Amino acid sequence: MVAKLLIVEDFEPVRTRLVALVQTIPEPILIRTADTLARGLLWALRDLPTMLVLDLHLPDGNAVDAIHGLKALSPRMLIAVWTNDASGGNRSDCLRVGADWFFDKSTEHERLLEVIRQHARDALDLRNCDPASHSSIHR
């Protein structure tokens, strides 16, 4: 299995920079992006990503309101909330409704990348265990 990452971030320079950083990870990752919560939810329904990086505050909604539904859609989907508003209340709210991680954009981008890197490795290990999936997949 190849990791399928959906990044939902409304600020284009941050979204572009995160995609560029993820593309430095040597394991294959299929990356999709969205700039609004509505577009992110649409891609999540269509593609069922294995991991979602979700900005907390988006122009059309708040991640806290979406996380529970995303986990109901795909309980194994990993969700990392990534925000500049990393107050303790936001962190606990996101984790309470089902986020797997909560990262502060200003100080924890390396930790986020390490989580994505580990997810890509884990997904690749699963693919290598499945004889039916020996086709080569590239970014």
C-alpha atoms as a PDB file:
ATOM      1  CA  MET A   1       0.000   0.000   0.000  1.00  0.00           C
ATOM      2  CA  VAL A   2       1.201   3.507  -0.735  1.00  0.00           C
ATOM      3  CA  ALA A   3       0.515   6.324   1.698  1.00  0.00           C
ATOM      4  CA  LYS A   4      -2.203   8.656   0.432  1.00  0.00           C
ATOM      5  CA  LEU A   5      -1.829  12.073   2.047  1.00  0.00           C
ATOM      6  CA  LEU A   6      -4.432  14.831   1.903  1.00  0.00           C
ATOM      7  CA  ILE A   7      -3.271  18.276   3.014  1.00  0.00           C
ATOM      8  CA  VAL A   8      -6.060  20.738   3.801  1.00  0.00           C
ATOM      9  CA  GLU A   9      -4.526  24.203   4.227  1.00  0.00           C
ATOM     10  CA  ASP A  10      -6.003  27.496   3.066  1.00  0.00           C
ATOM     11  CA  PHE A  11      -2.809  29.598   2.952  1.00  0.00           C
ATOM     12  CA  GLU A  12      -1.190  28.781  -0.387  1.00  0.00           C
ATOM     13  CA  PRO A  13       2.464  29.492   0.564  1.00  0.00           C
ATOM     14  CA  VAL A  14       2.202  27.193   3.589  1.00  0.00           C
ATOM     15  CA  ARG A  15       0.450  24.495   1.554  1.00  0.00           C
ATOM     16  CA  THR A  16       3.082  24.689  -1.193  1.00  0.00           C
ATOM     17  CA  ARG A  17       5.951  24.581   1.301  1.00  0.00           C
ATOM     18  CA  LEU A  18       4.491  21.557   3.105  1.00  0.00           C
ATOM     19  CA  VAL A  19       4.035  19.686  -0.183  1.00  0.00           C
ATOM     20  CA  ALA A  20       7.660  20.458  -1.096  1.00  0.00           C
ATOM     21  CA  LEU A  21       8.864  19.157   2.267  1.00  0.00           C
ATOM     22  CA  VAL A  22       6.782  15.977   1.969  1.00  0.00           C
ATOM     23  CA  GLN A  23       8.208  15.390  -1.509  1.00  0.00           C
ATOM     24  CA  THR A  24      11.684  15.091   0.047  1.00  0.00           C
ATOM     25  CA  ILE A  25      10.581  11.902   1.810  1.00  0.00           C
ATOM     26  CA  PRO A  26      12.088   8.983  -0.130  1.00  0.00           C
ATOM     27  CA  GLU A  27       9.126   6.630   0.318  1.00  0.00           C
ATOM     28  CA  PRO A  28       6.309   7.009  -2.237  1.00  0.00           C
ATOM     29  CA  ILE A  29       3.424   9.209  -1.122  1.00  0.00           C
ATOM     30  CA  LEU A  30       0.419  10.200  -3.206  1.00  0.00           C
ATOM     31  CA  ILE A  31      -0.301  13.822  -2.263  1.00  0.00           C
ATOM     32  CA  ARG A  32      -3.561  15.664  -2.767  1.00  0.00           C
ATOM     33  CA  THR A  33      -4.270  19.187  -1.500  1.00  0.00           C
ATOM     34  CA  ALA A  34      -7.325  21.279  -0.759  1.00  0.00           C
ATOM     35  CA  ASP A  35      -7.691  24.910   0.263  1.00  0.00           C
ATOM     36  CA  THR A  36     -11.055  24.694   2.030  1.00  0.00           C
ATOM     37  CA  LEU A  37     -12.725  22.283   4.389  1.00  0.00           C
ATOM     38  CA  ALA A  38     -15.437  21.552   1.809  1.00  0.00           C
ATOM     39  CA  ARG A  39     -12.867  20.609  -0.843  1.00  0.00           C
ATOM     40  CA  GLY A  40     -10.937  18.579   1.700  1.00  0.00           C
ATOM     41  CA  LEU A  41     -14.045  16.640   2.675  1.00  0.00           C
ATOM     42  CA  LEU A  42     -14.859  16.040  -0.990  1.00  0.00           C
ATOM     43  CA  TRP A  43     -11.363  14.624  -1.650  1.00  0.00           C
ATOM     44  CA  ALA A  44     -11.549  12.561   1.535  1.00  0.00           C
ATOM     45  CA  LEU A  45     -14.826  11.001   0.354  1.00  0.00           C
ATOM     46  CA  ARG A  46     -13.447  10.342  -3.153  1.00  0.00           C
ATOM     47  CA  ASP A  47      -9.972   9.095  -2.296  1.00  0.00           C
ATOM     48  CA  LEU A  48     -10.108   7.868   1.320  1.00  0.00           C
ATOM     49  CA  PRO A  49      -6.611   9.098   2.187  1.00  0.00           C
ATOM     50  CA  THR A  50      -4.592   7.077   4.659  1.00  0.00           C
ATOM     51  CA  MET A  51      -3.483  10.302   6.353  1.00  0.00           C
ATOM     52  CA  LEU A  52      -4.892  13.801   6.557  1.00  0.00           C
ATOM     53  CA  VAL A  53      -3.077  16.987   7.579  1.00  0.00           C
ATOM     54  CA  LEU A  54      -5.784  19.444   8.521  1.00  0.00           C
ATOM     55  CA  ASP A  55      -5.444  23.128   9.334  1.00  0.00           C
ATOM     56  CA  LEU A  56      -7.549  23.928  12.402  1.00  0.00           C
ATOM     57  CA  HIS A  57      -9.135  27.146  11.111  1.00  0.00           C
ATOM     58  CA  LEU A  58     -10.279  27.181   7.504  1.00  0.00           C
ATOM     59  CA  PRO A  59     -12.364  29.840   5.747  1.00  0.00           C
ATOM     60  CA  ASP A  60     -15.415  27.589   5.656  1.00  0.00           C
ATOM     61  CA  GLY A  61     -15.145  25.698   8.923  1.00  0.00           C
ATOM     62  CA  ASN A  62     -13.209  24.360  11.845  1.00  0.00           C
ATOM     63  CA  ALA A  63     -11.337  21.060  11.906  1.00  0.00           C
ATOM     64  CA  VAL A  64     -12.885  20.087  15.235  1.00  0.00           C
ATOM     65  CA  ASP A  65     -16.293  19.920  13.556  1.00  0.00           C
ATOM     66  CA  ALA A  66     -15.009  17.656  10.763  1.00  0.00           C
ATOM     67  CA  ILE A  67     -12.747  15.193  12.574  1.00  0.00           C
ATOM     68  CA  HIS A  68     -15.463  13.004  14.072  1.00  0.00           C
ATOM     69  CA  GLY A  69     -17.162  12.564  10.683  1.00  0.00           C
ATOM     70  CA  LEU A  70     -13.859  11.809   8.967  1.00  0.00           C
ATOM     71  CA  LYS A  71     -13.070   9.119  11.520  1.00  0.00           C
ATOM     72  CA  ALA A  72     -16.563   7.669  11.050  1.00  0.00           C
ATOM     73  CA  LEU A  73     -15.950   7.586   7.287  1.00  0.00           C
ATOM     74  CA  SER A  74     -12.596   5.845   7.664  1.00  0.00           C
ATOM     75  CA  PRO A  75     -11.643   4.840  11.223  1.00  0.00           C
ATOM     76  CA  ARG A  76      -8.091   3.932  10.157  1.00  0.00           C
ATOM     77  CA  MET A  77      -7.446   7.341   8.560  1.00  0.00           C
ATOM     78  CA  LEU A  78      -4.745   9.129  10.511  1.00  0.00           C
ATOM     79  CA  ILE A  79      -5.475  12.788  11.225  1.00  0.00           C
ATOM     80  CA  ALA A  80      -2.892  15.402  12.151  1.00  0.00           C
ATOM     81  CA  VAL A  81      -4.171  18.871  12.996  1.00  0.00           C
ATOM     82  CA  TRP A  82      -1.628  21.573  12.120  1.00  0.00           C
ATOM     83  CA  THR A  83      -2.260  25.114  13.295  1.00  0.00           C
ATOM     84  CA  ASN A  84      -0.927  28.455  14.443  1.00  0.00           C
ATOM     85  CA  ASP A  85      -3.568  28.439  17.186  1.00  0.00           C
ATOM     86  CA  ALA A  86      -2.094  25.730  19.399  1.00  0.00           C
ATOM     87  CA  SER A  87      -3.759  26.650  22.676  1.00  0.00           C
ATOM     88  CA  GLY A  88      -4.320  23.864  25.161  1.00  0.00           C
ATOM     89  CA  GLY A  89      -8.078  23.996  24.603  1.00  0.00           C
ATOM     90  CA  ASN A  90      -7.742  23.498  20.858  1.00  0.00           C
ATOM     91  CA  ARG A  91      -5.297  20.645  21.354  1.00  0.00           C
ATOM     92  CA  SER A  92      -7.551  18.820  23.806  1.00  0.00           C
ATOM     93  CA  ASP A  93     -10.677  19.431  21.686  1.00  0.00           C
ATOM     94  CA  CYS A  94      -9.044  17.985  18.548  1.00  0.00           C
ATOM     95  CA  LEU A  95      -7.622  14.958  20.339  1.00  0.00           C
ATOM     96  CA  ARG A  96     -10.941  14.361  22.114  1.00  0.00           C
ATOM     97  CA  VAL A  97     -12.889  14.160  18.826  1.00  0.00           C
ATOM     98  CA  GLY A  98     -10.397  11.788  17.220  1.00  0.00           C
ATOM     99  CA  ALA A  99      -7.307  13.577  15.887  1.00  0.00           C
ATOM    100  CA  ASP A 100      -4.225  11.392  16.194  1.00  0.00           C
ATOM    101  CA  TRP A 101      -1.802  14.330  16.519  1.00  0.00           C
ATOM    102  CA  PHE A 102      -1.879  18.078  17.071  1.00  0.00           C
ATOM    103  CA  PHE A 103       1.047  20.206  15.831  1.00  0.00           C
ATOM    104  CA  ASP A 104       1.951  23.873  16.166  1.00  0.00           C
ATOM    105  CA  LYS A 105       2.915  25.199  12.704  1.00  0.00           C
ATOM    106  CA  SER A 106       5.492  27.582  14.115  1.00  0.00           C
ATOM    107  CA  THR A 107       7.462  25.052  16.173  1.00  0.00           C
ATOM    108  CA  GLU A 108       6.542  21.481  15.222  1.00  0.00           C
ATOM    109  CA  HIS A 109       6.832  21.156  11.424  1.00  0.00           C
ATOM    110  CA  GLU A 110       9.748  18.708  11.775  1.00  0.00           C
ATOM    111  CA  ARG A 111       7.672  16.525  14.083  1.00  0.00           C
ATOM    112  CA  LEU A 112       4.838  16.562  11.544  1.00  0.00           C
ATOM    113  CA  LEU A 113       7.237  15.540   8.775  1.00  0.00           C
ATOM    114  CA  GLU A 114       8.571  12.702  10.902  1.00  0.00           C
ATOM    115  CA  VAL A 115       5.021  11.406  11.468  1.00  0.00           C
ATOM    116  CA  ILE A 116       4.329  11.568   7.712  1.00  0.00           C
ATOM    117  CA  ARG A 117       7.663   9.860   6.987  1.00  0.00           C
ATOM    118  CA  GLN A 118       6.869   7.047   9.437  1.00  0.00           C
ATOM    119  CA  HIS A 119       3.386   6.633   7.971  1.00  0.00           C
ATOM    120  CA  ALA A 120       4.884   6.335   4.464  1.00  0.00           C
ATOM    121  CA  ARG A 121       7.328   3.686   5.711  1.00  0.00           C
ATOM    122  CA  ASP A 122       4.566   1.762   7.453  1.00  0.00           C
ATOM    123  CA  ALA A 123       2.370   1.873   4.340  1.00  0.00           C
ATOM    124  CA  LEU A 124       5.256   0.659   2.186  1.00  0.00           C
ATOM    125  CA  ASP A 125       5.956  -2.196   4.606  1.00  0.00           C
ATOM    126  CA  LEU A 126       2.316  -3.271   4.319  1.00  0.00           C
ATOM    127  CA  ARG A 127       2.554  -3.232   0.525  1.00  0.00           C
ATOM    128  CA  ASN A 128       5.711  -5.314   0.568  1.00  0.00           C
ATOM    129  CA  CYS A 129       3.952  -7.945   2.667  1.00  0.00           C
ATOM    130  CA  ASP A 130       1.185  -8.318   0.074  1.00  0.00           C
ATOM    131  CA  PRO A 131       2.246 -10.439  -2.934  1.00  0.00           C
ATOM    132  CA  ALA A 132      -0.644  -9.034  -4.993  1.00  0.00           C
ATOM    133  CA  SER A 133       0.785  -5.516  -4.842  1.00  0.00           C
ATOM    134  CA  HIS A 134       4.208  -5.892  -6.422  1.00  0.00           C
ATOM    135  CA  SER A 135       3.619  -3.234  -9.067  1.00  0.00           C
ATOM    136  CA  SER A 136       5.974  -0.305  -8.844  1.00  0.00           C
ATOM    137  CA  ILE A 137       4.461   2.951  -7.718  1.00  0.00           C
ATOM    138  CA  HIS A 138       6.203   6.285  -8.088  1.00  0.00           C
ATOM    139  CA  ARG A 139       5.425   9.771  -6.913  1.00  0.00           C
END
